[in-house]
Amino acid sequence: MKFQSARRVCLLLLLSLFCLPLTRMARADEQVSQADINKAVGLLNSTGYPYITTKSPTVWVMHFTGTHLKDIKVVMAIGGDVDSDLIVFVTVAEKRQMPVNVDFRYKLLKFNHSLDQVKVGFDGDDDLSVRIDGSLRLADGIFLKRIIDQVKNASDDIYGQIQGDLQP
């Protein structure tokens, strides 16, 4: 009798542990409200920068020409995370272009000290990216324009400094 009840408890615990990641995924995929989408579009319009909408209603792209990068593709996305639901980033170099050595990685790491507010790192595909996370709730047009400029300028500057190290 005790064995069967202990077995049921274990089974229930295993089942609940299995379902826990599913509930976390459901929360991560929650829909962004239309009010947040409207606010993001209004903020983008107030920057004066031309942007392109994507297939996703929560992602927008802006193209700029830099001194070193010929096409700086700035991506802005909004999500459901309350603390950092506004993300602006640029993919500076793809994984296949970057050398895998200590000196190059050290050079990249030093950018995090010399540049304010931006994060220089590797994205989920191990591509080199520059990004700033912020709060949509606190953002206004001036703030967004400064974030876009900072990410754009930092990306162009970093690319100029690592361009000689990159493989075609």
Protein backbone atom coordinates (compact mmCIF):
# COMPACT_ATOMS: atom_id res chain seq x y z
CA MET A 1 0.00 0.00 0.00
CA LYS A 2 2.69 2.47 1.02
CA PHE A 3 4.71 1.55 -2.05
CA GLN A 4 1.83 2.41 -4.40
CA SER A 5 1.12 5.76 -2.77
CA ALA A 6 4.82 6.65 -2.82
CA ARG A 7 4.92 5.65 -6.47
CA ARG A 8 1.93 7.90 -7.23
CA VAL A 9 3.56 10.82 -5.45
CA CYS A 10 6.77 10.29 -7.44
CA LEU A 11 4.79 10.04 -10.66
CA LEU A 12 2.94 13.27 -9.89
CA LEU A 13 6.22 15.02 -9.07
CA LEU A 14 7.79 13.85 -12.31
CA LEU A 15 4.74 14.94 -14.26
CA SER A 16 4.77 18.38 -12.64
CA LEU A 17 8.50 18.75 -13.35
CA PHE A 18 7.84 17.84 -16.96
CA CYS A 19 5.07 20.44 -17.24
CA LEU A 20 7.05 23.24 -15.57
CA PRO A 21 9.14 24.09 -18.66
CA LEU A 22 5.96 24.15 -20.74
CA THR A 23 4.39 26.76 -18.48
CA ARG A 24 7.56 28.87 -18.66
CA MET A 25 7.50 28.67 -22.46
CA ALA A 26 3.87 29.72 -22.48
CA ARG A 27 4.72 32.80 -20.42
CA ALA A 28 7.65 33.69 -22.70
CA ASP A 29 5.41 33.51 -25.76
CA GLU A 30 2.69 35.70 -24.31
CA GLN A 31 1.32 38.19 -26.79
CA VAL A 32 2.53 41.75 -26.62
CA SER A 33 -0.43 44.08 -26.18
CA GLN A 34 -1.64 46.18 -29.08
CA ALA A 35 -1.10 49.25 -26.89
CA ASP A 36 2.61 48.38 -26.59
CA ILE A 37 2.87 47.82 -30.34
CA ASN A 38 1.18 51.18 -30.97
CA LYS A 39 3.53 52.90 -28.53
CA ALA A 40 6.58 51.35 -30.20
CA VAL A 41 5.40 52.48 -33.65
CA GLY A 42 4.73 55.98 -32.31
CA LEU A 43 8.21 56.11 -30.79
CA LEU A 44 9.77 54.93 -34.04
CA ASN A 45 7.85 57.59 -35.97
CA SER A 46 9.05 60.28 -33.55
CA THR A 47 12.72 59.42 -34.21
CA GLY A 48 12.37 60.49 -37.83
CA TYR A 49 14.28 57.39 -38.96
CA PRO A 50 12.78 55.36 -41.77
CA TYR A 51 11.97 51.82 -40.70
CA ILE A 52 10.64 48.64 -42.22
CA THR A 53 8.05 46.45 -40.59
CA THR A 54 8.71 42.72 -40.56
CA LYS A 55 6.50 39.64 -40.54
CA SER A 56 6.36 39.99 -36.78
CA PRO A 57 4.25 42.87 -35.47
CA THR A 58 6.82 43.37 -32.68
CA VAL A 59 10.01 43.69 -34.77
CA TRP A 60 11.18 46.60 -36.93
CA VAL A 61 14.35 47.18 -38.97
CA MET A 62 16.23 50.38 -39.83
CA HIS A 63 19.10 50.58 -42.32
CA PHE A 64 21.92 53.10 -42.00
CA THR A 65 25.18 53.64 -43.84
CA GLY A 66 28.26 53.78 -41.66
CA THR A 67 31.85 54.76 -42.13
CA HIS A 68 33.03 51.15 -41.84
CA LEU A 69 29.85 49.08 -42.15
CA LYS A 70 28.14 49.78 -45.46
CA ASP A 71 24.77 48.56 -44.18
CA ILE A 72 24.10 48.89 -40.48
CA LYS A 73 20.92 46.92 -39.90
CA VAL A 74 19.46 48.13 -36.61
CA VAL A 75 16.71 45.88 -35.29
CA MET A 76 14.21 46.98 -32.67
CA ALA A 77 12.02 44.41 -30.96
CA ILE A 78 9.56 44.51 -28.11
CA GLY A 79 8.61 41.59 -25.91
CA GLY A 80 6.73 40.56 -22.82
CA ASP A 81 9.51 41.00 -20.24
CA VAL A 82 8.48 43.88 -17.99
CA ASP A 83 12.01 44.95 -17.09
CA SER A 84 13.60 44.77 -20.54
CA ASP A 85 10.88 44.68 -23.13
CA LEU A 86 12.60 47.03 -25.60
CA ILE A 87 15.64 45.64 -27.40
CA VAL A 88 17.71 47.45 -30.01
CA PHE A 89 20.58 45.55 -31.60
CA VAL A 90 22.92 45.18 -34.57
CA THR A 91 24.62 41.99 -35.70
CA VAL A 92 28.15 43.22 -36.38
CA ALA A 93 29.77 40.02 -37.67
CA GLU A 94 28.69 36.45 -38.23
CA LYS A 95 30.29 33.58 -36.35
CA ARG A 96 31.93 32.21 -39.50
CA GLN A 97 33.81 35.50 -40.06
CA MET A 98 35.40 35.74 -36.64
CA PRO A 99 38.67 34.11 -35.67
CA VAL A 100 38.51 31.89 -32.63
CA ASN A 101 41.52 33.01 -30.64
CA VAL A 102 42.18 34.61 -27.29
CA ASP A 103 43.51 37.92 -28.65
CA PHE A 104 40.39 38.56 -30.72
CA ARG A 105 38.04 37.63 -27.87
CA TYR A 106 40.03 39.86 -25.52
CA LYS A 107 39.66 42.77 -27.93
CA LEU A 108 35.89 42.22 -28.00
CA LEU A 109 35.69 41.99 -24.23
CA LYS A 110 37.48 45.34 -23.83
CA PHE A 111 34.69 47.06 -25.81
CA ASN A 112 32.32 46.45 -22.89
CA HIS A 113 34.55 48.66 -20.76
CA SER A 114 35.17 51.42 -23.28
CA LEU A 115 31.57 51.82 -24.51
CA ASP A 116 28.76 53.08 -22.30
CA GLN A 117 25.40 51.32 -21.98
CA VAL A 118 25.83 48.96 -24.93
CA LYS A 119 26.42 45.27 -24.46
CA VAL A 120 28.92 43.69 -26.82
CA GLY A 121 28.59 39.94 -26.97
CA PHE A 122 27.47 36.87 -28.82
CA ASP A 123 23.83 36.23 -29.66
CA GLY A 124 22.14 32.84 -29.71
CA ASP A 125 23.83 31.95 -33.02
CA ASP A 126 27.26 33.05 -31.70
CA ASP A 127 27.27 36.07 -34.02
CA LEU A 128 28.82 39.26 -32.66
CA SER A 129 26.13 41.73 -31.64
CA VAL A 130 25.82 45.11 -30.02
CA ARG A 131 22.62 45.76 -28.09
CA ILE A 132 20.83 47.86 -25.54
CA ASP A 133 17.87 46.61 -23.52
CA GLY A 134 15.42 49.10 -22.12
CA SER A 135 11.92 49.58 -20.86
CA LEU A 136 9.17 50.46 -23.33
CA ARG A 137 7.11 51.82 -20.45
CA LEU A 138 9.78 54.44 -19.67
CA ALA A 139 10.81 55.21 -23.25
CA ASP A 140 10.08 58.37 -25.18
CA GLY A 141 11.14 59.41 -28.69
CA ILE A 142 14.34 61.14 -27.59
CA PHE A 143 15.39 58.12 -25.52
CA LEU A 144 14.73 55.72 -28.39
CA LYS A 145 16.60 57.89 -30.89
CA ARG A 146 19.62 58.00 -28.56
CA ILE A 147 19.54 54.23 -28.12
CA ILE A 148 19.36 53.67 -31.87
CA ASP A 149 22.22 56.14 -32.45
CA GLN A 150 24.34 54.58 -29.74
CA VAL A 151 23.89 51.02 -31.04
CA LYS A 152 24.44 52.15 -34.64
CA ASN A 153 27.58 54.17 -33.86
CA ALA A 154 29.09 51.56 -31.54
CA SER A 155 28.54 48.84 -34.15
CA ASP A 156 30.21 50.89 -36.87
CA ASP A 157 33.13 51.76 -34.58
CA ILE A 158 33.63 48.15 -33.44
CA TYR A 159 33.48 46.86 -36.99
CA GLY A 160 36.13 49.39 -38.00
CA GLN A 161 38.41 48.16 -35.24
CA ILE A 162 37.97 44.42 -35.96
CA GLN A 163 37.57 44.57 -39.73
CA GLY A 164 41.18 43.49 -40.32
CA ASP A 165 40.68 40.40 -38.13
CA LEU A 166 37.57 39.17 -39.93
CA GLN A 167 37.51 36.50 -42.60
CA PRO A 168 35.45 37.12 -45.76
